[in-house]
Amino acid sequence: YHFMVVELDNGVSIDYAQKDGPIAPQHYAFLVDDATFDHGFALIQQRALTFWPEPSRSNPGEINHRDGGRGVYFEDPDGHFLELLTTPYGVPKS
């Protein structure tokens, strides 16, 4: 396969491959700092993407504030479910 590599912070990358036929949607979560969340969330809003506070896709247009952090779910163009969160769930932000 030929991969399109998207470099992220901390030596992490996401490698995308071209595939014929249907794609099985996946869930990808990114633990980010507050500034990165603000930037990512601004892009979600600028692009008028639908977003949700929960994976159940309830309450569109809202974000969550679990454990004192912030989280948001949205879809990429292939239907993958992406999540930005500032605090790991179950670990209250200090």
PDB file of N, CA and C in Angstrom:
ATOM      1  N   TYR A   1       0.825  -1.192   0.000  1.00  0.00           N
ATOM      2  CA  TYR A   1       0.000   0.000   0.000  1.00  0.00           C
ATOM      3  C   TYR A   1       0.867   1.253   0.000  1.00  0.00           C
ATOM      4  N   HIS A   2       0.351   2.281  -0.603  1.00  0.00           N
ATOM      5  CA  HIS A   2       0.958   3.596  -0.504  1.00  0.00           C
ATOM      6  C   HIS A   2       0.168   4.370   0.538  1.00  0.00           C
ATOM      7  N   PHE A   3       0.838   4.873   1.545  1.00  0.00           N
ATOM      8  CA  PHE A   3       0.172   5.581   2.635  1.00  0.00           C
ATOM      9  C   PHE A   3       0.391   7.076   2.519  1.00  0.00           C
ATOM     10  N   MET A   4      -0.637   7.850   2.854  1.00  0.00           N
ATOM     11  CA  MET A   4      -0.473   9.271   3.068  1.00  0.00           C
ATOM     12  C   MET A   4      -0.289   9.429   4.567  1.00  0.00           C
ATOM     13  N   VAL A   5       0.852   9.918   4.977  1.00  0.00           N
ATOM     14  CA  VAL A   5       1.201  10.012   6.387  1.00  0.00           C
ATOM     15  C   VAL A   5       0.895  11.424   6.883  1.00  0.00           C
ATOM     16  N   VAL A   6       0.115  11.511   7.957  1.00  0.00           N
ATOM     17  CA  VAL A   6      -0.173  12.782   8.613  1.00  0.00           C
ATOM     18  C   VAL A   6       0.580  12.759   9.933  1.00  0.00           C
ATOM     19  N   GLU A   7       1.582  13.623  10.039  1.00  0.00           N
ATOM     20  CA  GLU A   7       2.412  13.692  11.240  1.00  0.00           C
ATOM     21  C   GLU A   7       1.690  14.483  12.333  1.00  0.00           C
ATOM     22  N   LEU A   8       1.669  13.943  13.527  1.00  0.00           N
ATOM     23  CA  LEU A   8       1.088  14.586  14.691  1.00  0.00           C
ATOM     24  C   LEU A   8       2.210  14.881  15.685  1.00  0.00           C
ATOM     25  N   ASP A   9       1.859  15.394  16.853  1.00  0.00           N
ATOM     26  CA  ASP A   9       2.860  15.675  17.878  1.00  0.00           C
ATOM     27  C   ASP A   9       3.389  14.390  18.504  1.00  0.00           C
ATOM     28  N   ASN A  10       4.495  14.516  19.203  1.00  0.00           N
ATOM     29  CA  ASN A  10       5.089  13.438  19.997  1.00  0.00           C
ATOM     30  C   ASN A  10       5.465  12.216  19.164  1.00  0.00           C
ATOM     31  N   GLY A  11       5.828  12.426  17.909  1.00  0.00           N
ATOM     32  CA  GLY A  11       6.252  11.318  17.063  1.00  0.00           C
ATOM     33  C   GLY A  11       5.130  10.412  16.605  1.00  0.00           C
ATOM     34  N   VAL A  12       3.884  10.842  16.743  1.00  0.00           N
ATOM     35  CA  VAL A  12       2.725  10.048  16.347  1.00  0.00           C
ATOM     36  C   VAL A  12       2.328  10.429  14.925  1.00  0.00           C
ATOM     37  N   SER A  13       1.912   9.458  14.149  1.00  0.00           N
ATOM     38  CA  SER A  13       1.382   9.739  12.819  1.00  0.00           C
ATOM     39  C   SER A  13       0.151   8.870  12.582  1.00  0.00           C
ATOM     40  N   ILE A  14      -0.671   9.329  11.668  1.00  0.00           N
ATOM     41  CA  ILE A  14      -1.788   8.524  11.184  1.00  0.00           C
ATOM     42  C   ILE A  14      -1.493   8.268   9.717  1.00  0.00           C
ATOM     43  N   ASP A  15      -1.500   7.009   9.326  1.00  0.00           N
ATOM     44  CA  ASP A  15      -1.194   6.640   7.951  1.00  0.00           C
ATOM     45  C   ASP A  15      -2.482   6.225   7.247  1.00  0.00           C
ATOM     46  N   TYR A  16      -2.803   6.923   6.175  1.00  0.00           N
ATOM     47  CA  TYR A  16      -4.020   6.651   5.414  1.00  0.00           C
ATOM     48  C   TYR A  16      -3.660   5.890   4.149  1.00  0.00           C
ATOM     49  N   ALA A  17      -4.464   4.886   3.816  1.00  0.00           N
ATOM     50  CA  ALA A  17      -4.284   4.105   2.594  1.00  0.00           C
ATOM     51  C   ALA A  17      -5.533   4.235   1.730  1.00  0.00           C
ATOM     52  N   GLN A  18      -5.330   4.256   0.411  1.00  0.00           N
ATOM     53  CA  GLN A  18      -6.456   4.257  -0.511  1.00  0.00           C
ATOM     54  C   GLN A  18      -7.037   2.849  -0.545  1.00  0.00           C
ATOM     55  N   LYS A  19      -8.365   2.738  -0.500  1.00  0.00           N
ATOM     56  CA  LYS A  19      -9.005   1.429  -0.500  1.00  0.00           C
ATOM     57  C   LYS A  19     -10.214   1.479  -1.411  1.00  0.00           C
ATOM     58  N   ASP A  20     -10.369   0.480  -2.226  1.00  0.00           N
ATOM     59  CA  ASP A  20     -11.576   0.353  -3.038  1.00  0.00           C
ATOM     60  C   ASP A  20     -12.647  -0.337  -2.221  1.00  0.00           C
ATOM     61  N   GLY A  21     -13.888   0.066  -2.433  1.00  0.00           N
ATOM     62  CA  GLY A  21     -14.994  -0.562  -1.730  1.00  0.00           C
ATOM     63  C   GLY A  21     -15.299   0.127  -0.418  1.00  0.00           C
ATOM     64  N   PRO A  22     -16.244  -0.446   0.319  1.00  0.00           N
ATOM     65  CA  PRO A  22     -16.677   0.176   1.567  1.00  0.00           C
ATOM     66  C   PRO A  22     -15.574   0.189   2.626  1.00  0.00           C
ATOM     67  N   ILE A  23     -15.646   1.196   3.468  1.00  0.00           N
ATOM     68  CA  ILE A  23     -14.693   1.349   4.564  1.00  0.00           C
ATOM     69  C   ILE A  23     -15.442   1.138   5.876  1.00  0.00           C
ATOM     70  N   ALA A  24     -14.900   0.315   6.755  1.00  0.00           N
ATOM     71  CA  ALA A  24     -15.509   0.110   8.068  1.00  0.00           C
ATOM     72  C   ALA A  24     -15.134   1.301   8.947  1.00  0.00           C
ATOM     73  N   PRO A  25     -16.114   2.104   9.369  1.00  0.00           N
ATOM     74  CA  PRO A  25     -15.799   3.267  10.209  1.00  0.00           C
ATOM     75  C   PRO A  25     -15.154   2.845  11.524  1.00  0.00           C
ATOM     76  N   GLN A  26     -14.199   3.668  11.962  1.00  0.00           N
ATOM     77  CA  GLN A  26     -13.471   3.442  13.202  1.00  0.00           C
ATOM     78  C   GLN A  26     -13.647   4.658  14.111  1.00  0.00           C
ATOM     79  N   HIS A  27     -13.230   4.521  15.362  1.00  0.00           N
ATOM     80  CA  HIS A  27     -13.248   5.629  16.318  1.00  0.00           C
ATOM     81  C   HIS A  27     -11.799   5.967  16.659  1.00  0.00           C
ATOM     82  N   TYR A  28     -11.455   7.251  16.539  1.00  0.00           N
ATOM     83  CA  TYR A  28     -10.117   7.725  16.878  1.00  0.00           C
ATOM     84  C   TYR A  28     -10.253   8.852  17.887  1.00  0.00           C
ATOM     85  N   ALA A  29      -9.614   8.716  19.040  1.00  0.00           N
ATOM     86  CA  ALA A  29      -9.671   9.742  20.088  1.00  0.00           C
ATOM     87  C   ALA A  29      -8.288  10.360  20.247  1.00  0.00           C
ATOM     88  N   PHE A  30      -8.273  11.680  20.418  1.00  0.00           N
ATOM     89  CA  PHE A  30      -7.030  12.418  20.575  1.00  0.00           C
ATOM     90  C   PHE A  30      -7.083  13.206  21.873  1.00  0.00           C
ATOM     91  N   LEU A  31      -6.182  12.877  22.792  1.00  0.00           N
ATOM     92  CA  LEU A  31      -6.042  13.619  24.041  1.00  0.00           C
ATOM     93  C   LEU A  31      -5.145  14.810  23.743  1.00  0.00           C
ATOM     94  N   VAL A  32      -5.698  16.020  23.888  1.00  0.00           N
ATOM     95  CA  VAL A  32      -4.989  17.241  23.499  1.00  0.00           C
ATOM     96  C   VAL A  32      -5.014  18.256  24.636  1.00  0.00           C
ATOM     97  N   ASP A  33      -4.128  19.240  24.560  1.00  0.00           N
ATOM     98  CA  ASP A  33      -4.157  20.308  25.553  1.00  0.00           C
ATOM     99  C   ASP A  33      -5.268  21.309  25.190  1.00  0.00           C
ATOM    100  N   ASP A  34      -5.516  22.252  26.086  1.00  0.00           N
ATOM    101  CA  ASP A  34      -6.617  23.195  25.889  1.00  0.00           C
ATOM    102  C   ASP A  34      -6.454  24.031  24.622  1.00  0.00           C
ATOM    103  N   ALA A  35      -5.236  24.494  24.332  1.00  0.00           N
ATOM    104  CA  ALA A  35      -5.013  25.323  23.143  1.00  0.00           C
ATOM    105  C   ALA A  35      -5.287  24.532  21.865  1.00  0.00           C
ATOM    106  N   THR A  36      -4.871  23.279  21.836  1.00  0.00           N
ATOM    107  CA  THR A  36      -5.115  22.438  20.659  1.00  0.00           C
ATOM    108  C   THR A  36      -6.601  22.152  20.513  1.00  0.00           C
ATOM    109  N   PHE A  37      -7.293  21.910  21.630  1.00  0.00           N
ATOM    110  CA  PHE A  37      -8.742  21.708  21.573  1.00  0.00           C
ATOM    111  C   PHE A  37      -9.407  22.955  21.000  1.00  0.00           C
ATOM    112  N   ASP A  38      -9.032  24.123  21.509  1.00  0.00           N
ATOM    113  CA  ASP A  38      -9.636  25.374  21.023  1.00  0.00           C
ATOM    114  C   ASP A  38      -9.439  25.518  19.518  1.00  0.00           C
ATOM    115  N   HIS A  39      -8.240  25.233  19.040  1.00  0.00           N
ATOM    116  CA  HIS A  39      -7.951  25.352  17.612  1.00  0.00           C
ATOM    117  C   HIS A  39      -8.771  24.341  16.807  1.00  0.00           C
ATOM    118  N   GLY A  40      -8.765  23.081  17.245  1.00  0.00           N
ATOM    119  CA  GLY A  40      -9.518  22.045  16.549  1.00  0.00           C
ATOM    120  C   GLY A  40     -11.007  22.316  16.551  1.00  0.00           C
ATOM    121  N   PHE A  41     -11.528  22.750  17.688  1.00  0.00           N
ATOM    122  CA  PHE A  41     -12.959  23.032  17.783  1.00  0.00           C
ATOM    123  C   PHE A  41     -13.330  24.227  16.906  1.00  0.00           C
ATOM    124  N   ALA A  42     -12.456  25.226  16.818  1.00  0.00           N
ATOM    125  CA  ALA A  42     -12.713  26.365  15.923  1.00  0.00           C
ATOM    126  C   ALA A  42     -12.800  25.896  14.470  1.00  0.00           C
ATOM    127  N   LEU A  43     -11.935  24.956  14.072  1.00  0.00           N
ATOM    128  CA  LEU A  43     -11.992  24.422  12.709  1.00  0.00           C
ATOM    129  C   LEU A  43     -13.283  23.649  12.463  1.00  0.00           C
ATOM    130  N   ILE A  44     -13.712  22.870  13.451  1.00  0.00           N
ATOM    131  CA  ILE A  44     -14.981  22.139  13.339  1.00  0.00           C
ATOM    132  C   ILE A  44     -16.119  23.126  13.093  1.00  0.00           C
ATOM    133  N   GLN A  45     -16.140  24.207  13.856  1.00  0.00           N
ATOM    134  CA  GLN A  45     -17.204  25.202  13.718  1.00  0.00           C
ATOM    135  C   GLN A  45     -17.083  25.957  12.391  1.00  0.00           C
ATOM    136  N   GLN A  46     -15.868  26.359  11.994  1.00  0.00           N
ATOM    137  CA  GLN A  46     -15.681  27.079  10.727  1.00  0.00           C
ATOM    138  C   GLN A  46     -16.141  26.255   9.543  1.00  0.00           C
ATOM    139  N   ARG A  47     -15.949  24.954   9.610  1.00  0.00           N
ATOM    140  CA  ARG A  47     -16.325  24.064   8.507  1.00  0.00           C
ATOM    141  C   ARG A  47     -17.766  23.596   8.612  1.00  0.00           C
ATOM    142  N   ALA A  48     -18.480  24.119   9.618  1.00  0.00           N
ATOM    143  CA  ALA A  48     -19.900  23.796   9.835  1.00  0.00           C
ATOM    144  C   ALA A  48     -20.135  22.285   9.932  1.00  0.00           C
ATOM    145  N   LEU A  49     -19.196  21.584  10.601  1.00  0.00           N
ATOM    146  CA  LEU A  49     -19.367  20.149  10.816  1.00  0.00           C
ATOM    147  C   LEU A  49     -20.341  19.925  11.965  1.00  0.00           C
ATOM    148  N   THR A  50     -21.121  18.887  11.867  1.00  0.00           N
ATOM    149  CA  THR A  50     -21.981  18.502  12.980  1.00  0.00           C
ATOM    150  C   THR A  50     -21.097  17.880  14.049  1.00  0.00           C
ATOM    151  N   PHE A  51     -21.356  18.235  15.306  1.00  0.00           N
ATOM    152  CA  PHE A  51     -20.569  17.677  16.407  1.00  0.00           C
ATOM    153  C   PHE A  51     -21.493  17.362  17.571  1.00  0.00           C
ATOM    154  N   TRP A  52     -20.995  16.483  18.440  1.00  0.00           N
ATOM    155  CA  TRP A  52     -21.787  15.983  19.558  1.00  0.00           C
ATOM    156  C   TRP A  52     -20.931  15.895  20.816  1.00  0.00           C
ATOM    157  N   PRO A  53     -21.573  15.916  21.999  1.00  0.00           N
ATOM    158  CA  PRO A  53     -20.827  15.739  23.237  1.00  0.00           C
ATOM    159  C   PRO A  53     -20.630  14.268  23.617  1.00  0.00           C
ATOM    160  N   GLU A  54     -21.358  13.380  22.954  1.00  0.00           N
ATOM    161  CA  GLU A  54     -21.372  11.963  23.329  1.00  0.00           C
ATOM    162  C   GLU A  54     -21.279  11.086  22.088  1.00  0.00           C
ATOM    163  N   PRO A  55     -20.751   9.885  22.209  1.00  0.00           N
ATOM    164  CA  PRO A  55     -20.699   8.987  21.053  1.00  0.00           C
ATOM    165  C   PRO A  55     -22.075   8.541  20.574  1.00  0.00           C
ATOM    166  N   SER A  56     -23.089   8.710  21.395  1.00  0.00           N
ATOM    167  CA  SER A  56     -24.451   8.342  20.977  1.00  0.00           C
ATOM    168  C   SER A  56     -25.032   9.347  19.992  1.00  0.00           C
ATOM    169  N   ARG A  57     -24.298  10.425  19.733  1.00  0.00           N
ATOM    170  CA  ARG A  57     -24.715  11.490  18.814  1.00  0.00           C
ATOM    171  C   ARG A  57     -25.971  12.212  19.302  1.00  0.00           C
ATOM    172  N   SER A  58     -26.152  12.232  20.611  1.00  0.00           N
ATOM    173  CA  SER A  58     -27.257  13.000  21.183  1.00  0.00           C
ATOM    174  C   SER A  58     -26.781  14.434  21.405  1.00  0.00           C
ATOM    175  N   ASN A  59     -27.714  15.349  21.480  1.00  0.00           N
ATOM    176  CA  ASN A  59     -27.428  16.767  21.744  1.00  0.00           C
ATOM    177  C   ASN A  59     -26.439  17.384  20.754  1.00  0.00           C
ATOM    178  N   PRO A  60     -26.735  17.333  19.451  1.00  0.00           N
ATOM    179  CA  PRO A  60     -25.834  17.937  18.478  1.00  0.00           C
ATOM    180  C   PRO A  60     -25.613  19.418  18.781  1.00  0.00           C
ATOM    181  N   GLY A  61     -24.402  19.886  18.489  1.00  0.00           N
ATOM    182  CA  GLY A  61     -24.059  21.284  18.711  1.00  0.00           C
ATOM    183  C   GLY A  61     -23.537  21.580  20.099  1.00  0.00           C
ATOM    184  N   GLU A  62     -23.352  20.539  20.925  1.00  0.00           N
ATOM    185  CA  GLU A  62     -22.824  20.716  22.278  1.00  0.00           C
ATOM    186  C   GLU A  62     -21.516  19.944  22.420  1.00  0.00           C
ATOM    187  N   ILE A  63     -20.720  20.314  23.429  1.00  0.00           N
ATOM    188  CA  ILE A  63     -19.533  19.557  23.804  1.00  0.00           C
ATOM    189  C   ILE A  63     -19.739  19.039  25.225  1.00  0.00           C
ATOM    190  N   ASN A  64     -18.893  18.110  25.659  1.00  0.00           N
ATOM    191  CA  ASN A  64     -19.015  17.628  27.038  1.00  0.00           C
ATOM    192  C   ASN A  64     -17.964  18.285  27.919  1.00  0.00           C
ATOM    193  N   HIS A  65     -18.198  18.218  29.213  1.00  0.00           N
ATOM    194  CA  HIS A  65     -17.289  18.794  30.213  1.00  0.00           C
ATOM    195  C   HIS A  65     -16.973  17.767  31.298  1.00  0.00           C
ATOM    196  N   ARG A  66     -16.895  16.503  30.896  1.00  0.00           N
ATOM    197  CA  ARG A  66     -16.649  15.430  31.855  1.00  0.00           C
ATOM    198  C   ARG A  66     -15.302  15.593  32.549  1.00  0.00           C
ATOM    199  N   ASP A  67     -15.306  15.304  33.817  1.00  0.00           N
ATOM    200  CA  ASP A  67     -14.085  15.304  34.643  1.00  0.00           C
ATOM    201  C   ASP A  67     -13.352  16.646  34.596  1.00  0.00           C
ATOM    202  N   GLY A  68     -14.101  17.736  34.353  1.00  0.00           N
ATOM    203  CA  GLY A  68     -13.511  19.067  34.349  1.00  0.00           C
ATOM    204  C   GLY A  68     -12.802  19.433  33.061  1.00  0.00           C
ATOM    205  N   GLY A  69     -12.836  18.570  32.071  1.00  0.00           N
ATOM    206  CA  GLY A  69     -12.219  18.848  30.773  1.00  0.00           C
ATOM    207  C   GLY A  69     -13.274  19.137  29.731  1.00  0.00           C
ATOM    208  N   ARG A  70     -12.891  19.038  28.479  1.00  0.00           N
ATOM    209  CA  ARG A  70     -13.817  19.226  27.379  1.00  0.00           C
ATOM    210  C   ARG A  70     -13.624  18.103  26.369  1.00  0.00           C
ATOM    211  N   GLY A  71     -14.715  17.705  25.736  1.00  0.00           N
ATOM    212  CA  GLY A  71     -14.655  16.671  24.712  1.00  0.00           C
ATOM    213  C   GLY A  71     -15.683  16.934  23.639  1.00  0.00           C
ATOM    214  N   VAL A  72     -15.348  16.517  22.418  1.00  0.00           N
ATOM    215  CA  VAL A  72     -16.259  16.684  21.290  1.00  0.00           C
ATOM    216  C   VAL A  72     -16.047  15.528  20.315  1.00  0.00           C
ATOM    217  N   TYR A  73     -17.128  15.094  19.697  1.00  0.00           N
ATOM    218  CA  TYR A  73     -17.109  14.023  18.703  1.00  0.00           C
ATOM    219  C   TYR A  73     -17.573  14.604  17.368  1.00  0.00           C
ATOM    220  N   PHE A  74     -16.962  14.142  16.266  1.00  0.00           N
ATOM    221  CA  PHE A  74     -17.372  14.560  14.931  1.00  0.00           C
ATOM    222  C   PHE A  74     -16.916  13.494  13.944  1.00  0.00           C
ATOM    223  N   GLU A  75     -17.426  13.561  12.715  1.00  0.00           N
ATOM    224  CA  GLU A  75     -17.082  12.568  11.698  1.00  0.00           C
ATOM    225  C   GLU A  75     -16.128  13.152  10.672  1.00  0.00           C
ATOM    226  N   ASP A  76     -15.233  12.292  10.168  1.00  0.00           N
ATOM    227  CA  ASP A  76     -14.411  12.703   9.033  1.00  0.00           C
ATOM    228  C   ASP A  76     -15.177  12.383   7.745  1.00  0.00           C
ATOM    229  N   PRO A  77     -14.666  12.771   6.584  1.00  0.00           N
ATOM    230  CA  PRO A  77     -15.424  12.549   5.342  1.00  0.00           C
ATOM    231  C   PRO A  77     -15.750  11.087   5.034  1.00  0.00           C
ATOM    232  N   ASP A  78     -14.971  10.147   5.579  1.00  0.00           N
ATOM    233  CA  ASP A  78     -15.235   8.723   5.341  1.00  0.00           C
ATOM    234  C   ASP A  78     -16.130   8.096   6.407  1.00  0.00           C
ATOM    235  N   GLY A  79     -16.613   8.907   7.354  1.00  0.00           N
ATOM    236  CA  GLY A  79     -17.504   8.390   8.384  1.00  0.00           C
ATOM    237  C   GLY A  79     -16.810   7.885   9.626  1.00  0.00           C
ATOM    238  N   HIS A  80     -15.481   8.066   9.711  1.00  0.00           N
ATOM    239  CA  HIS A  80     -14.792   7.698  10.948  1.00  0.00           C
ATOM    240  C   HIS A  80     -15.214   8.680  12.037  1.00  0.00           C
ATOM    241  N   PHE A  81     -15.332   8.181  13.247  1.00  0.00           N
ATOM    242  CA  PHE A  81     -15.783   8.979  14.385  1.00  0.00           C
ATOM    243  C   PHE A  81     -14.551   9.485  15.118  1.00  0.00           C
ATOM    244  N   LEU A  82     -14.330  10.798  15.084  1.00  0.00           N
ATOM    245  CA  LEU A  82     -13.165  11.408  15.701  1.00  0.00           C
ATOM    246  C   LEU A  82     -13.571  12.090  16.999  1.00  0.00           C
ATOM    247  N   GLU A  83     -12.659  12.103  17.942  1.00  0.00           N
ATOM    248  CA  GLU A  83     -12.925  12.692  19.256  1.00  0.00           C
ATOM    249  C   GLU A  83     -11.709  13.497  19.689  1.00  0.00           C
ATOM    250  N   LEU A  84     -11.956  14.709  20.162  1.00  0.00           N
ATOM    251  CA  LEU A  84     -10.946  15.512  20.833  1.00  0.00           C
ATOM    252  C   LEU A  84     -11.339  15.594  22.293  1.00  0.00           C
ATOM    253  N   LEU A  85     -10.401  15.358  23.214  1.00  0.00           N
ATOM    254  CA  LEU A  85     -10.699  15.492  24.627  1.00  0.00           C
ATOM    255  C   LEU A  85      -9.483  16.061  25.343  1.00  0.00           C
ATOM    256  N   THR A  86      -9.736  16.843  26.384  1.00  0.00           N
ATOM    257  CA  THR A  86      -8.648  17.504  27.111  1.00  0.00           C
ATOM    258  C   THR A  86      -8.281  16.797  28.408  1.00  0.00           C
ATOM    259  N   THR A  87      -9.106  15.874  28.849  1.00  0.00           N
ATOM    260  CA  THR A  87      -8.857  15.149  30.097  1.00  0.00           C
ATOM    261  C   THR A  87      -9.247  13.690  29.895  1.00  0.00           C
ATOM    262  N   PRO A  88      -8.389  12.747  30.265  1.00  0.00           N
ATOM    263  CA  PRO A  88      -8.800  11.341  30.154  1.00  0.00           C
ATOM    264  C   PRO A  88     -10.058  11.106  31.001  1.00  0.00           C
ATOM    265  N   TYR A  89     -10.994  10.367  30.465  1.00  0.00           N
ATOM    266  CA  TYR A  89     -12.221  10.091  31.192  1.00  0.00           C
ATOM    267  C   TYR A  89     -11.907   9.282  32.443  1.00  0.00           C
ATOM    268  N   GLY A  90     -12.511   9.684  33.545  1.00  0.00           N
ATOM    269  CA  GLY A  90     -12.297   9.025  34.824  1.00  0.00           C
ATOM    270  C   GLY A  90     -11.145   9.601  35.621  1.00  0.00           C
ATOM    271  N   VAL A  91     -10.462  10.620  35.060  1.00  0.00           N
ATOM    272  CA  VAL A  91      -9.346  11.259  35.748  1.00  0.00           C
ATOM    273  C   VAL A  91      -9.672  12.753  35.838  1.00  0.00           C
ATOM    274  N   PRO A  92     -10.225  13.215  36.984  1.00  0.00           N
ATOM    275  CA  PRO A  92     -10.597  14.625  37.085  1.00  0.00           C
ATOM    276  C   PRO A  92      -9.426  15.552  36.821  1.00  0.00           C
ATOM    277  N   LYS A  93      -9.682  16.601  36.048  1.00  0.00           N
ATOM    278  CA  LYS A  93      -8.656  17.586  35.730  1.00  0.00           C
ATOM    279  C   LYS A  93      -8.312  18.385  36.969  1.00  0.00           C
ATOM    280  N   SER A  94      -7.029  18.562  37.201  1.00  0.00           N
ATOM    281  CA  SER A  94      -6.618  19.302  38.403  1.00  0.00           C
ATOM    282  C   SER A  94      -6.318  20.748  38.086  1.00  0.00           C
TER     283      SER A  94
END
